[in-house]
Structures are given as structure tokens and as C-alpha cells.
């Protein structure tokens, strides 16, 4: 048998042969496969022609057939092939239903610290066969470009989104706060700090971050001239500099470690940043991807409800 002949072999040939071998009858094989008996006969004849051997012994007057030695040998391979095809079909069905596959998500520090762990923890329990790959950066800059190019399926991002073929769901309105030393006189404020007050402080912020840029634009639009004494893209470093007395940090609340007793958090009148989860509007969204977005939205809804009362008390 040449490779050219092997290319003529079809999966239905194996299915028909296997059914006849199992039932011992062309008629019963046809019933089990929902084929006509003539179709089953043609499939087996074609298979024997391709392989160049007789696979079944047919006798006049007998309603059953017997499997030849060559047929027994082929049957072992046919069983394995059918099993693999059934497994492949199950895998493809699971993939189409979103129960398996890969999900590529872009994230950055403030989301990674508070939103992502809880979302990912729930998602991996509900979708254990979906492999989540994370691309982490210091800020959301550049992540949407990876969504547009197809390198990411989803990305956390700050509204407004950069121009592109994106759709997004709003997750969380993250208020800007001042992080000050616990002994600072600012802790005595019984209201949010104003733009004018903030602009007169020695400020610490993030270096490469659209959120910091938005806050600075607001301060300037309000007539202030913010004075930045230090910038860093690391949340821990920013807070440590506050403790060291270098300045006060103007940052989104999600970036703050509020368990640090050496710091205090002061609300501000700066409009909150709006966190979103974005995707490419023209690409297929698997059920797993849709489920991840919904879980993130639910996690952020609970987080928003926790943050709002805390701010009201300050």
C-alpha cells in the first residue's frame, strides 16, 4: 500500500468496518451507524481495496461475518483511532463552550493587588480547564495595543480608552486619595482635600501612569500648579517615601496598603479614575472570556460597596 492509497482512507471506512466487526452483521452495523446497508458494504470494500487485504469473511447463506487475522490487527488500530477522534470531538466541544482553552489577560499593579487575585481565584474554580496567561506591567500603557494586535484577549484599562477597536465594561470608580504620615496635620481635615490644597503640597506620584496624568490635569485646570518631588512606578516605594517624610502621595485608593499604621488616607475632590475591562470588539469572545468579565464586574461591585462607606466615614 502506497502513501497515495492511504490518503484515500476515510474515517467512515473505519467506523463501518468496526461496527461490522462488533455486531458480526452488515445489517446491524448499518442500523447502529444510521447508514444504509449498501453504504456500509461500500465502505468496507473500499477499505479492503485501499489496504490490499481481506478484513472480513463473508459466506453465502450465513447472516453473520467473521473477522480475518488482518481484520483483527486493524481493529486494534481502529479502536484507538475512534477513541482519539471521540476525545478530540469532546475537546473541541469543550473549547467551543469555553470550558477549556487559553485566556490572555493584561493587568497592572493596582489591579493586580486588589481586583485580579479574587477574580482569578473564583474563575479558576469555575473554569479549571481554561489556562489563564497574565501580561503584567506597571500601568495600563500599551496593554490595549496588545489587545488590538491579538496578543491579549482582555485587558484591565483606565477610561477613557485609547482610540481603537475596543469595547469595555466599567468595573470600579477608584477615588484619588492623599496618603500622608499618620502624624500629619492633614489627618484633622473633616472634608476632602481641595485641588488648591493638594497643589501646594510636596507630591509623590507614579512616573508612567495615565491616572497620575489625569489627576495632574485636574489640578492644573483648577488653577493649581502641582509640585512633584518624587515619582516612582512602584506602589510600595511611593508609600515608603511618604512614611520617610519626603512628601504626600496623590494616588488612586486601590494602590494604597491601608494596613500600614504609619500612614493615613485622606479623601480628595479629584474625580475618581474609572477602571474597565476591555476587549477587541471585532473578535470572537469565548464563554470563558465572557465569564471572566462578569466575575471581575461582580468582584469590583463588592469592592465598590466596601470603599464607599469607608470614604463616607473619613
C-alpha atoms as a PDB file:
ATOM      1  CA  UNK A   1       0.000   0.000   0.000  1.00  0.00           C
ATOM      2  CA  UNK A   2       1.425   3.385  -1.013  1.00  0.00           C
ATOM      3  CA  UNK A   3       1.008   6.731   0.679  1.00  0.00           C
ATOM      4  CA  UNK A   4      -1.276   7.790  -2.166  1.00  0.00           C
ATOM      5  CA  UNK A   5      -3.633   4.909  -1.413  1.00  0.00           C
ATOM      6  CA  UNK A   6      -3.580   5.706   2.304  1.00  0.00           C
ATOM      7  CA  UNK A   7      -4.782   9.231   1.523  1.00  0.00           C
ATOM      8  CA  UNK A   8      -7.973   7.659   0.161  1.00  0.00           C
ATOM      9  CA  UNK A   9      -8.820   6.180   3.561  1.00  0.00           C
ATOM     10  CA  UNK A  10     -11.749   7.910   5.237  1.00  0.00           C
ATOM     11  CA  UNK A  11     -12.825   7.856   8.844  1.00  0.00           C
ATOM     12  CA  UNK A  12     -16.247   6.466   7.891  1.00  0.00           C
ATOM     13  CA  UNK A  13     -14.486   3.443   6.342  1.00  0.00           C
ATOM     14  CA  UNK A  14     -13.050   2.598   9.758  1.00  0.00           C
ATOM     15  CA  UNK A  15     -16.361   3.282  11.501  1.00  0.00           C
ATOM     16  CA  UNK A  16     -18.239   0.910   9.192  1.00  0.00           C
ATOM     17  CA  UNK A  17     -15.608  -1.835   9.467  1.00  0.00           C
ATOM     18  CA  UNK A  18     -15.504  -1.516  13.265  1.00  0.00           C
ATOM     19  CA  UNK A  19     -19.300  -1.684  13.504  1.00  0.00           C
ATOM     20  CA  UNK A  20     -19.474  -4.822  11.329  1.00  0.00           C
ATOM     21  CA  UNK A  21     -16.696  -6.448  13.360  1.00  0.00           C
ATOM     22  CA  UNK A  22     -18.507  -5.681  16.619  1.00  0.00           C
ATOM     23  CA  UNK A  23     -22.008  -6.740  15.510  1.00  0.00           C
ATOM     24  CA  UNK A  24     -20.999  -9.544  13.128  1.00  0.00           C
ATOM     25  CA  UNK A  25     -23.562  -8.242  10.638  1.00  0.00           C
ATOM     26  CA  UNK A  26     -23.677  -5.650   7.876  1.00  0.00           C
ATOM     27  CA  UNK A  27     -27.330  -5.072   8.639  1.00  0.00           C
ATOM     28  CA  UNK A  28     -26.789  -4.489  12.372  1.00  0.00           C
ATOM     29  CA  UNK A  29     -23.789  -2.282  11.630  1.00  0.00           C
ATOM     30  CA  UNK A  30     -25.899  -0.136   9.319  1.00  0.00           C
ATOM     31  CA  UNK A  31     -28.597   0.232  11.983  1.00  0.00           C
ATOM     32  CA  UNK A  32     -26.073   1.226  14.672  1.00  0.00           C
ATOM     33  CA  UNK A  33     -24.487   3.870  12.428  1.00  0.00           C
ATOM     34  CA  UNK A  34     -27.726   5.054  10.811  1.00  0.00           C
ATOM     35  CA  UNK A  35     -26.265   4.198   7.388  1.00  0.00           C
ATOM     36  CA  UNK A  36     -27.804   2.105   4.639  1.00  0.00           C
ATOM     37  CA  UNK A  37     -26.525  -1.459   4.413  1.00  0.00           C
ATOM     38  CA  UNK A  38     -25.184  -0.811   0.939  1.00  0.00           C
ATOM     39  CA  UNK A  39     -23.190   2.167   2.251  1.00  0.00           C
ATOM     40  CA  UNK A  40     -21.591   0.011   4.950  1.00  0.00           C
ATOM     41  CA  UNK A  41     -20.705  -2.623   2.342  1.00  0.00           C
ATOM     42  CA  UNK A  42     -19.157   0.021   0.099  1.00  0.00           C
ATOM     43  CA  UNK A  43     -17.104   1.451   2.989  1.00  0.00           C
ATOM     44  CA  UNK A  44     -15.698  -1.944   3.944  1.00  0.00           C
ATOM     45  CA  UNK A  45     -14.960  -2.836   0.324  1.00  0.00           C
ATOM     46  CA  UNK A  46     -13.165   0.480  -0.167  1.00  0.00           C
ATOM     47  CA  UNK A  47     -11.106  -0.082   2.991  1.00  0.00           C
ATOM     48  CA  UNK A  48     -10.082  -3.571   1.853  1.00  0.00           C
ATOM     49  CA  UNK A  49      -9.124  -2.177  -1.545  1.00  0.00           C
ATOM     50  CA  UNK A  50      -7.010   0.607  -0.024  1.00  0.00           C
ATOM     51  CA  UNK A  51      -5.207  -1.745   2.390  1.00  0.00           C
ATOM     52  CA  UNK A  52      -4.934  -4.602  -0.129  1.00  0.00           C
ATOM     53  CA  UNK A  53      -6.142  -7.308   2.283  1.00  0.00           C
ATOM     54  CA  UNK A  54      -9.408  -9.030   3.167  1.00  0.00           C
ATOM     55  CA  UNK A  55     -10.722  -7.880   6.526  1.00  0.00           C
ATOM     56  CA  UNK A  56     -14.000  -9.810   6.763  1.00  0.00           C
ATOM     57  CA  UNK A  57     -15.029 -13.313   5.713  1.00  0.00           C
ATOM     58  CA  UNK A  58     -18.448 -13.362   4.035  1.00  0.00           C
ATOM     59  CA  UNK A  59     -20.283 -16.647   3.433  1.00  0.00           C
ATOM     60  CA  UNK A  60     -23.364 -17.248   1.344  1.00  0.00           C
ATOM     61  CA  UNK A  61     -26.248 -18.461   3.430  1.00  0.00           C
ATOM     62  CA  UNK A  62     -24.748 -17.101   6.642  1.00  0.00           C
ATOM     63  CA  UNK A  63     -26.129 -13.893   8.105  1.00  0.00           C
ATOM     64  CA  UNK A  64     -23.006 -13.195  10.124  1.00  0.00           C
ATOM     65  CA  UNK A  65     -19.458 -12.371   9.088  1.00  0.00           C
ATOM     66  CA  UNK A  66     -16.114 -13.228  10.672  1.00  0.00           C
ATOM     67  CA  UNK A  67     -13.082 -11.002  11.113  1.00  0.00           C
ATOM     68  CA  UNK A  68      -9.864 -12.182   9.435  1.00  0.00           C
ATOM     69  CA  UNK A  69      -6.464 -12.068  11.111  1.00  0.00           C
ATOM     70  CA  UNK A  70      -5.697  -8.886   9.187  1.00  0.00           C
ATOM     71  CA  UNK A  71      -9.042  -7.521  10.335  1.00  0.00           C
ATOM     72  CA  UNK A  72      -8.218  -8.274  13.975  1.00  0.00           C
ATOM     73  CA  UNK A  73      -4.935  -6.422  13.599  1.00  0.00           C
ATOM     74  CA  UNK A  74      -6.626  -3.425  12.006  1.00  0.00           C
ATOM     75  CA  UNK A  75      -9.377  -3.456  14.617  1.00  0.00           C
ATOM     76  CA  UNK A  76      -6.854  -2.654  17.358  1.00  0.00           C
ATOM     77  CA  UNK A  77      -5.772   0.470  15.484  1.00  0.00           C
ATOM     78  CA  UNK A  78      -9.350   1.367  14.539  1.00  0.00           C
ATOM     79  CA  UNK A  79     -10.402   1.263  18.199  1.00  0.00           C
ATOM     80  CA  UNK A  80      -7.560   3.619  19.119  1.00  0.00           C
ATOM     81  CA  UNK A  81      -8.309   5.971  16.218  1.00  0.00           C
ATOM     82  CA  UNK A  82     -12.031   6.140  17.035  1.00  0.00           C
ATOM     83  CA  UNK A  83     -11.253   6.767  20.717  1.00  0.00           C
ATOM     84  CA  UNK A  84      -8.881   9.600  19.822  1.00  0.00           C
ATOM     85  CA  UNK A  85     -11.420  11.149  17.468  1.00  0.00           C
ATOM     86  CA  UNK A  86     -14.106  10.971  20.149  1.00  0.00           C
ATOM     87  CA  UNK A  87     -11.699  12.639  22.597  1.00  0.00           C
ATOM     88  CA  UNK A  88     -10.883  15.287  20.010  1.00  0.00           C
ATOM     89  CA  UNK A  89     -14.581  15.954  19.448  1.00  0.00           C
ATOM     90  CA  UNK A  90     -15.109  16.321  23.210  1.00  0.00           C
ATOM     91  CA  UNK A  91     -12.167  18.719  23.439  1.00  0.00           C
ATOM     92  CA  UNK A  92     -13.435  20.824  20.543  1.00  0.00           C
ATOM     93  CA  UNK A  93     -16.920  20.904  22.032  1.00  0.00           C
ATOM     94  CA  UNK A  94     -15.491  21.956  25.409  1.00  0.00           C
ATOM     95  CA  UNK A  95     -13.405  24.624  23.682  1.00  0.00           C
ATOM     96  CA  UNK A  96     -16.407  25.972  21.772  1.00  0.00           C
ATOM     97  CA  UNK A  97     -18.345  26.104  25.026  1.00  0.00           C
ATOM     98  CA  UNK A  98     -15.479  27.971  26.697  1.00  0.00           C
ATOM     99  CA  UNK A  99     -14.770  25.179  29.182  1.00  0.00           C
ATOM    100  CA  UNK A 100     -11.193  24.748  28.008  1.00  0.00           C
ATOM    101  CA  UNK A 101      -8.560  26.730  26.157  1.00  0.00           C
ATOM    102  CA  UNK A 102      -6.437  29.757  26.973  1.00  0.00           C
ATOM    103  CA  UNK A 103      -7.355  33.223  28.210  1.00  0.00           C
ATOM    104  CA  UNK A 104      -4.747  36.006  27.921  1.00  0.00           C
ATOM    105  CA  UNK A 105      -5.293  38.939  30.268  1.00  0.00           C
ATOM    106  CA  UNK A 106      -3.400  42.213  30.615  1.00  0.00           C
ATOM    107  CA  UNK A 107      -3.074  43.678  34.097  1.00  0.00           C
ATOM    108  CA  UNK A 108      -1.054  46.171  36.156  1.00  0.00           C
ATOM    109  CA  UNK A 109      -0.093  46.829  39.762  1.00  0.00           C
ATOM    110  CA  UNK A 110      -3.166  48.369  41.355  1.00  0.00           C
ATOM    111  CA  UNK A 111      -5.482  45.873  39.675  1.00  0.00           C
ATOM    112  CA  UNK A 112      -3.108  43.005  40.386  1.00  0.00           C
ATOM    113  CA  UNK A 113      -3.096  43.773  44.102  1.00  0.00           C
ATOM    114  CA  UNK A 114      -6.828  44.023  44.775  1.00  0.00           C
ATOM    115  CA  UNK A 115      -9.071  43.024  41.862  1.00  0.00           C
ATOM    116  CA  UNK A 116      -7.210  40.293  39.994  1.00  0.00           C
ATOM    117  CA  UNK A 117      -6.476  37.789  42.806  1.00  0.00           C
ATOM    118  CA  UNK A 118     -10.103  37.485  43.867  1.00  0.00           C
ATOM    119  CA  UNK A 119     -11.385  37.327  40.286  1.00  0.00           C
ATOM    120  CA  UNK A 120      -8.789  34.756  39.278  1.00  0.00           C
ATOM    121  CA  UNK A 121      -9.410  32.659  42.378  1.00  0.00           C
ATOM    122  CA  UNK A 122     -13.109  32.304  41.589  1.00  0.00           C
ATOM    123  CA  UNK A 123     -12.570  31.866  37.848  1.00  0.00           C
ATOM    124  CA  UNK A 124     -10.061  29.012  38.179  1.00  0.00           C
ATOM    125  CA  UNK A 125     -12.505  27.090  40.368  1.00  0.00           C
ATOM    126  CA  UNK A 126     -15.397  27.554  37.940  1.00  0.00           C
ATOM    127  CA  UNK A 127     -13.324  27.092  34.761  1.00  0.00           C
ATOM    128  CA  UNK A 128     -10.496  24.722  35.804  1.00  0.00           C
ATOM    129  CA  UNK A 129      -9.542  23.780  32.241  1.00  0.00           C
ATOM    130  CA  UNK A 130      -9.116  27.342  30.984  1.00  0.00           C
ATOM    131  CA  UNK A 131      -5.457  28.316  31.269  1.00  0.00           C
ATOM    132  CA  UNK A 132      -5.091  31.992  32.188  1.00  0.00           C
ATOM    133  CA  UNK A 133      -1.946  33.780  30.981  1.00  0.00           C
ATOM    134  CA  UNK A 134      -1.173  37.177  32.516  1.00  0.00           C
ATOM    135  CA  UNK A 135       0.798  40.034  30.981  1.00  0.00           C
ATOM    136  CA  UNK A 136       1.744  42.417  33.792  1.00  0.00           C
ATOM    137  CA  UNK A 137       3.009  45.991  33.511  1.00  0.00           C
ATOM    138  CA  UNK A 138       3.398  48.950  35.873  1.00  0.00           C
ATOM    139  CA  UNK A 139       0.447  50.730  34.270  1.00  0.00           C
ATOM    140  CA  UNK A 140      -2.138  50.164  31.543  1.00  0.00           C
ATOM    141  CA  UNK A 141       0.011  51.928  28.940  1.00  0.00           C
ATOM    142  CA  UNK A 142       0.492  49.673  25.941  1.00  0.00           C
ATOM    143  CA  UNK A 143      -1.831  46.890  27.061  1.00  0.00           C
ATOM    144  CA  UNK A 144      -4.628  47.940  24.729  1.00  0.00           C
ATOM    145  CA  UNK A 145      -2.194  47.792  21.810  1.00  0.00           C
ATOM    146  CA  UNK A 146      -1.715  44.109  22.647  1.00  0.00           C
ATOM    147  CA  UNK A 147      -5.493  43.641  22.629  1.00  0.00           C
ATOM    148  CA  UNK A 148      -5.696  45.314  19.217  1.00  0.00           C
ATOM    149  CA  UNK A 149      -2.901  43.160  17.793  1.00  0.00           C
ATOM    150  CA  UNK A 150      -4.490  39.977  19.109  1.00  0.00           C
ATOM    151  CA  UNK A 151      -1.790  39.211  21.683  1.00  0.00           C
ATOM    152  CA  UNK A 152      -4.265  39.667  24.540  1.00  0.00           C
ATOM    153  CA  UNK A 153      -7.920  38.673  24.815  1.00  0.00           C
ATOM    154  CA  UNK A 154      -8.751  41.077  27.649  1.00  0.00           C
ATOM    155  CA  UNK A 155      -7.045  43.895  29.475  1.00  0.00           C
ATOM    156  CA  UNK A 156      -7.769  45.982  32.504  1.00  0.00           C
ATOM    157  CA  UNK A 157      -7.608  49.636  31.460  1.00  0.00           C
ATOM    158  CA  UNK A 158      -8.474  53.128  32.663  1.00  0.00           C
ATOM    159  CA  UNK A 159     -11.231  55.134  30.998  1.00  0.00           C
ATOM    160  CA  UNK A 160     -11.160  56.911  28.593  1.00  0.00           C
ATOM    161  CA  UNK A 161      -9.716  54.172  26.431  1.00  0.00           C
ATOM    162  CA  UNK A 162      -7.206  54.984  23.745  1.00  0.00           C
ATOM    163  CA  UNK A 163      -8.533  55.059  20.174  1.00  0.00           C
ATOM    164  CA  UNK A 164      -9.034  51.638  18.695  1.00  0.00           C
ATOM    165  CA  UNK A 165     -11.492  48.773  18.072  1.00  0.00           C
ATOM    166  CA  UNK A 166     -12.332  48.339  21.740  1.00  0.00           C
ATOM    167  CA  UNK A 167     -15.347  47.629  23.863  1.00  0.00           C
ATOM    168  CA  UNK A 168     -15.250  47.650  27.642  1.00  0.00           C
ATOM    169  CA  UNK A 169     -17.297  47.270  30.782  1.00  0.00           C
ATOM    170  CA  UNK A 170     -16.901  49.666  33.687  1.00  0.00           C
ATOM    171  CA  UNK A 171     -15.656  47.862  36.781  1.00  0.00           C
ATOM    172  CA  UNK A 172     -14.842  50.350  39.500  1.00  0.00           C
ATOM    173  CA  UNK A 173     -14.668  54.052  40.277  1.00  0.00           C
ATOM    174  CA  UNK A 174     -11.430  54.336  42.197  1.00  0.00           C
ATOM    175  CA  UNK A 175     -11.180  57.575  44.225  1.00  0.00           C
ATOM    176  CA  UNK A 176      -7.962  59.577  44.400  1.00  0.00           C
ATOM    177  CA  UNK A 177      -6.662  59.964  47.930  1.00  0.00           C
ATOM    178  CA  UNK A 178      -3.773  61.610  49.698  1.00  0.00           C
ATOM    179  CA  UNK A 179      -1.504  59.234  51.568  1.00  0.00           C
ATOM    180  CA  UNK A 180       0.128  61.141  54.424  1.00  0.00           C
ATOM    181  CA  UNK A 181       2.167  60.231  57.512  1.00  0.00           C
ATOM    182  CA  UNK A 182      -0.085  59.167  60.383  1.00  0.00           C
ATOM    183  CA  UNK A 183       1.139  62.208  62.367  1.00  0.00           C
ATOM    184  CA  UNK A 184       0.347  64.723  59.601  1.00  0.00           C
ATOM    185  CA  UNK A 185      -1.923  67.708  60.459  1.00  0.00           C
ATOM    186  CA  UNK A 186      -3.867  66.806  57.304  1.00  0.00           C
ATOM    187  CA  UNK A 187      -5.439  63.933  59.218  1.00  0.00           C
ATOM    188  CA  UNK A 188      -7.511  66.530  61.064  1.00  0.00           C
ATOM    189  CA  UNK A 189      -9.373  67.517  57.874  1.00  0.00           C
ATOM    190  CA  UNK A 190     -13.068  66.698  58.176  1.00  0.00           C
ATOM    191  CA  UNK A 191     -13.682  67.010  54.424  1.00  0.00           C
ATOM    192  CA  UNK A 192     -11.986  66.027  51.158  1.00  0.00           C
ATOM    193  CA  UNK A 193      -8.799  67.903  50.323  1.00  0.00           C
ATOM    194  CA  UNK A 194      -9.363  70.537  47.614  1.00  0.00           C
ATOM    195  CA  UNK A 195      -7.396  70.925  44.415  1.00  0.00           C
ATOM    196  CA  UNK A 196      -5.814  74.151  45.723  1.00  0.00           C
ATOM    197  CA  UNK A 197      -4.683  72.471  48.938  1.00  0.00           C
ATOM    198  CA  UNK A 198      -3.261  69.487  47.076  1.00  0.00           C
ATOM    199  CA  UNK A 199      -1.369  71.617  44.559  1.00  0.00           C
ATOM    200  CA  UNK A 200       0.509  73.348  47.398  1.00  0.00           C
ATOM    201  CA  UNK A 201       1.809  70.083  48.857  1.00  0.00           C
ATOM    202  CA  UNK A 202       5.074  68.281  48.020  1.00  0.00           C
ATOM    203  CA  UNK A 203       3.616  65.487  45.930  1.00  0.00           C
ATOM    204  CA  UNK A 204       4.736  61.948  45.244  1.00  0.00           C
ATOM    205  CA  UNK A 205       3.157  60.069  42.349  1.00  0.00           C
ATOM    206  CA  UNK A 206       3.650  57.499  39.652  1.00  0.00           C
ATOM    207  CA  UNK A 207       6.067  58.107  36.798  1.00  0.00           C
ATOM    208  CA  UNK A 208       4.401  56.341  33.851  1.00  0.00           C
ATOM    209  CA  UNK A 209       0.717  56.296  34.592  1.00  0.00           C
ATOM    210  CA  UNK A 210      -2.288  57.786  32.802  1.00  0.00           C
ATOM    211  CA  UNK A 211      -4.062  58.010  36.159  1.00  0.00           C
ATOM    212  CA  UNK A 212      -1.431  60.375  37.562  1.00  0.00           C
ATOM    213  CA  UNK A 213      -1.604  62.433  34.381  1.00  0.00           C
ATOM    214  CA  UNK A 214      -5.378  62.751  34.706  1.00  0.00           C
ATOM    215  CA  UNK A 215      -5.096  63.895  38.327  1.00  0.00           C
ATOM    216  CA  UNK A 216      -2.415  66.428  37.417  1.00  0.00           C
ATOM    217  CA  UNK A 217      -4.553  67.779  34.572  1.00  0.00           C
ATOM    218  CA  UNK A 218      -7.426  68.260  37.016  1.00  0.00           C
ATOM    219  CA  UNK A 219      -5.245  70.155  39.468  1.00  0.00           C
ATOM    220  CA  UNK A 220      -3.957  72.458  36.731  1.00  0.00           C
ATOM    221  CA  UNK A 221      -7.465  73.000  35.353  1.00  0.00           C
ATOM    222  CA  UNK A 222      -8.499  74.029  38.865  1.00  0.00           C
ATOM    223  CA  UNK A 223      -5.816  76.713  38.929  1.00  0.00           C
ATOM    224  CA  UNK A 224      -3.140  74.828  40.820  1.00  0.00           C
ATOM    225  CA  UNK A 225       0.476  74.167  39.911  1.00  0.00           C
ATOM    226  CA  UNK A 226       1.270  70.759  41.435  1.00  0.00           C
ATOM    227  CA  UNK A 227       4.807  70.267  42.698  1.00  0.00           C
ATOM    228  CA  UNK A 228       6.073  66.725  42.250  1.00  0.00           C
ATOM    229  CA  UNK A 229       9.067  65.968  44.451  1.00  0.00           C
ATOM    230  CA  UNK A 230       9.372  62.314  43.516  1.00  0.00           C
ATOM    231  CA  UNK A 231       7.898  59.783  41.097  1.00  0.00           C
ATOM    232  CA  UNK A 232       8.058  56.006  41.093  1.00  0.00           C
ATOM    233  CA  UNK A 233       6.156  53.262  39.312  1.00  0.00           C
ATOM    234  CA  UNK A 234       6.194  51.005  42.363  1.00  0.00           C
ATOM    235  CA  UNK A 235       3.299  51.242  44.837  1.00  0.00           C
ATOM    236  CA  UNK A 236       5.397  50.127  47.795  1.00  0.00           C
ATOM    237  CA  UNK A 237       8.111  52.677  47.053  1.00  0.00           C
ATOM    238  CA  UNK A 238       5.586  55.526  46.826  1.00  0.00           C
ATOM    239  CA  UNK A 239       4.128  54.663  50.213  1.00  0.00           C
ATOM    240  CA  UNK A 240       7.548  54.179  51.813  1.00  0.00           C
ATOM    241  CA  UNK A 241       8.567  57.662  50.679  1.00  0.00           C
ATOM    242  CA  UNK A 242       5.501  59.063  52.419  1.00  0.00           C
ATOM    243  CA  UNK A 243       6.487  57.317  55.656  1.00  0.00           C
ATOM    244  CA  UNK A 244      10.014  58.707  55.258  1.00  0.00           C
ATOM    245  CA  UNK A 245       8.608  62.237  55.149  1.00  0.00           C
ATOM    246  CA  UNK A 246       9.599  63.011  51.564  1.00  0.00           C
ATOM    247  CA  UNK A 247       6.105  64.211  50.659  1.00  0.00           C
ATOM    248  CA  UNK A 248       2.479  63.117  50.375  1.00  0.00           C
ATOM    249  CA  UNK A 249       1.206  60.776  47.693  1.00  0.00           C
ATOM    250  CA  UNK A 250      -1.698  61.585  45.398  1.00  0.00           C
ATOM    251  CA  UNK A 251      -2.755  58.149  44.187  1.00  0.00           C
ATOM    252  CA  UNK A 252      -5.833  56.024  43.429  1.00  0.00           C
ATOM    253  CA  UNK A 253      -7.076  54.260  46.531  1.00  0.00           C
ATOM    254  CA  UNK A 254      -6.577  50.753  45.149  1.00  0.00           C
ATOM    255  CA  UNK A 255      -2.817  51.368  45.103  1.00  0.00           C
ATOM    256  CA  UNK A 256      -2.663  52.004  48.861  1.00  0.00           C
ATOM    257  CA  UNK A 257      -1.793  49.493  51.556  1.00  0.00           C
ATOM    258  CA  UNK A 258      -4.250  50.727  54.170  1.00  0.00           C
ATOM    259  CA  UNK A 259      -2.989  48.272  56.789  1.00  0.00           C
ATOM    260  CA  UNK A 260       0.180  50.339  57.282  1.00  0.00           C
ATOM    261  CA  UNK A 261      -0.234  52.104  60.664  1.00  0.00           C
ATOM    262  CA  UNK A 262       2.401  54.692  59.728  1.00  0.00           C
ATOM    263  CA  UNK A 263       0.138  56.184  57.040  1.00  0.00           C
ATOM    264  CA  UNK A 264      -3.270  57.815  56.871  1.00  0.00           C
ATOM    265  CA  UNK A 265      -5.600  58.116  53.877  1.00  0.00           C
ATOM    266  CA  UNK A 266      -7.281  61.457  53.141  1.00  0.00           C
ATOM    267  CA  UNK A 267     -10.119  61.703  50.589  1.00  0.00           C
ATOM    268  CA  UNK A 268      -9.842  64.337  47.857  1.00  0.00           C
ATOM    269  CA  UNK A 269     -12.153  66.148  45.485  1.00  0.00           C
ATOM    270  CA  UNK A 270     -10.195  64.874  42.460  1.00  0.00           C
ATOM    271  CA  UNK A 271     -12.620  62.912  40.217  1.00  0.00           C
ATOM    272  CA  UNK A 272     -12.055  59.146  40.508  1.00  0.00           C
ATOM    273  CA  UNK A 273     -10.362  57.095  37.853  1.00  0.00           C
ATOM    274  CA  UNK A 274     -12.685  54.647  36.111  1.00  0.00           C
ATOM    275  CA  UNK A 275     -11.336  51.121  35.816  1.00  0.00           C
ATOM    276  CA  UNK A 276     -12.588  48.986  32.929  1.00  0.00           C
ATOM    277  CA  UNK A 277     -12.014  45.583  31.382  1.00  0.00           C
ATOM    278  CA  UNK A 278     -11.609  45.895  27.620  1.00  0.00           C
ATOM    279  CA  UNK A 279     -11.613  43.562  24.602  1.00  0.00           C
ATOM    280  CA  UNK A 280     -11.456  43.748  20.803  1.00  0.00           C
ATOM    281  CA  UNK A 281     -14.984  44.377  19.568  1.00  0.00           C
ATOM    282  CA  UNK A 282     -14.486  42.512  16.263  1.00  0.00           C
ATOM    283  CA  UNK A 283     -13.063  39.275  17.645  1.00  0.00           C
ATOM    284  CA  UNK A 284     -14.793  36.151  18.914  1.00  0.00           C
ATOM    285  CA  UNK A 285     -15.422  36.134  22.659  1.00  0.00           C
ATOM    286  CA  UNK A 286     -15.454  32.683  24.198  1.00  0.00           C
ATOM    287  CA  UNK A 287     -17.864  31.850  27.026  1.00  0.00           C
ATOM    288  CA  UNK A 288     -14.862  31.667  29.358  1.00  0.00           C
ATOM    289  CA  UNK A 289     -13.842  35.178  28.383  1.00  0.00           C
ATOM    290  CA  UNK A 290     -17.372  36.457  28.947  1.00  0.00           C
ATOM    291  CA  UNK A 291     -17.469  34.706  32.330  1.00  0.00           C
ATOM    292  CA  UNK A 292     -14.158  36.299  33.389  1.00  0.00           C
ATOM    293  CA  UNK A 293     -15.526  39.764  32.594  1.00  0.00           C
ATOM    294  CA  UNK A 294     -18.688  39.122  34.604  1.00  0.00           C
ATOM    295  CA  UNK A 295     -16.729  37.773  37.575  1.00  0.00           C
ATOM    296  CA  UNK A 296     -14.443  40.823  37.551  1.00  0.00           C
ATOM    297  CA  UNK A 297     -17.503  43.054  37.465  1.00  0.00           C
ATOM    298  CA  UNK A 298     -19.031  41.273  40.461  1.00  0.00           C
ATOM    299  CA  UNK A 299     -15.775  41.425  42.436  1.00  0.00           C
ATOM    300  CA  UNK A 300     -15.476  45.151  41.750  1.00  0.00           C
ATOM    301  CA  UNK A 301     -19.104  45.774  42.666  1.00  0.00           C
ATOM    302  CA  UNK A 302     -18.464  44.280  46.103  1.00  0.00           C
ATOM    303  CA  UNK A 303     -15.221  46.242  46.408  1.00  0.00           C
ATOM    304  CA  UNK A 304     -17.020  49.472  45.473  1.00  0.00           C
ATOM    305  CA  UNK A 305     -19.574  48.847  48.209  1.00  0.00           C
ATOM    306  CA  UNK A 306     -16.746  48.398  50.712  1.00  0.00           C
ATOM    307  CA  UNK A 307     -14.909  51.560  49.651  1.00  0.00           C
ATOM    308  CA  UNK A 308     -17.941  53.890  49.592  1.00  0.00           C
ATOM    309  CA  UNK A 309     -18.843  53.539  53.304  1.00  0.00           C
ATOM    310  CA  UNK A 310     -15.178  53.864  54.293  1.00  0.00           C
ATOM    311  CA  UNK A 311     -14.896  57.146  52.391  1.00  0.00           C
ATOM    312  CA  UNK A 312     -18.122  58.444  53.919  1.00  0.00           C
ATOM    313  CA  UNK A 313     -16.706  57.930  57.411  1.00  0.00           C
ATOM    314  CA  UNK A 314     -13.496  59.845  56.725  1.00  0.00           C
END
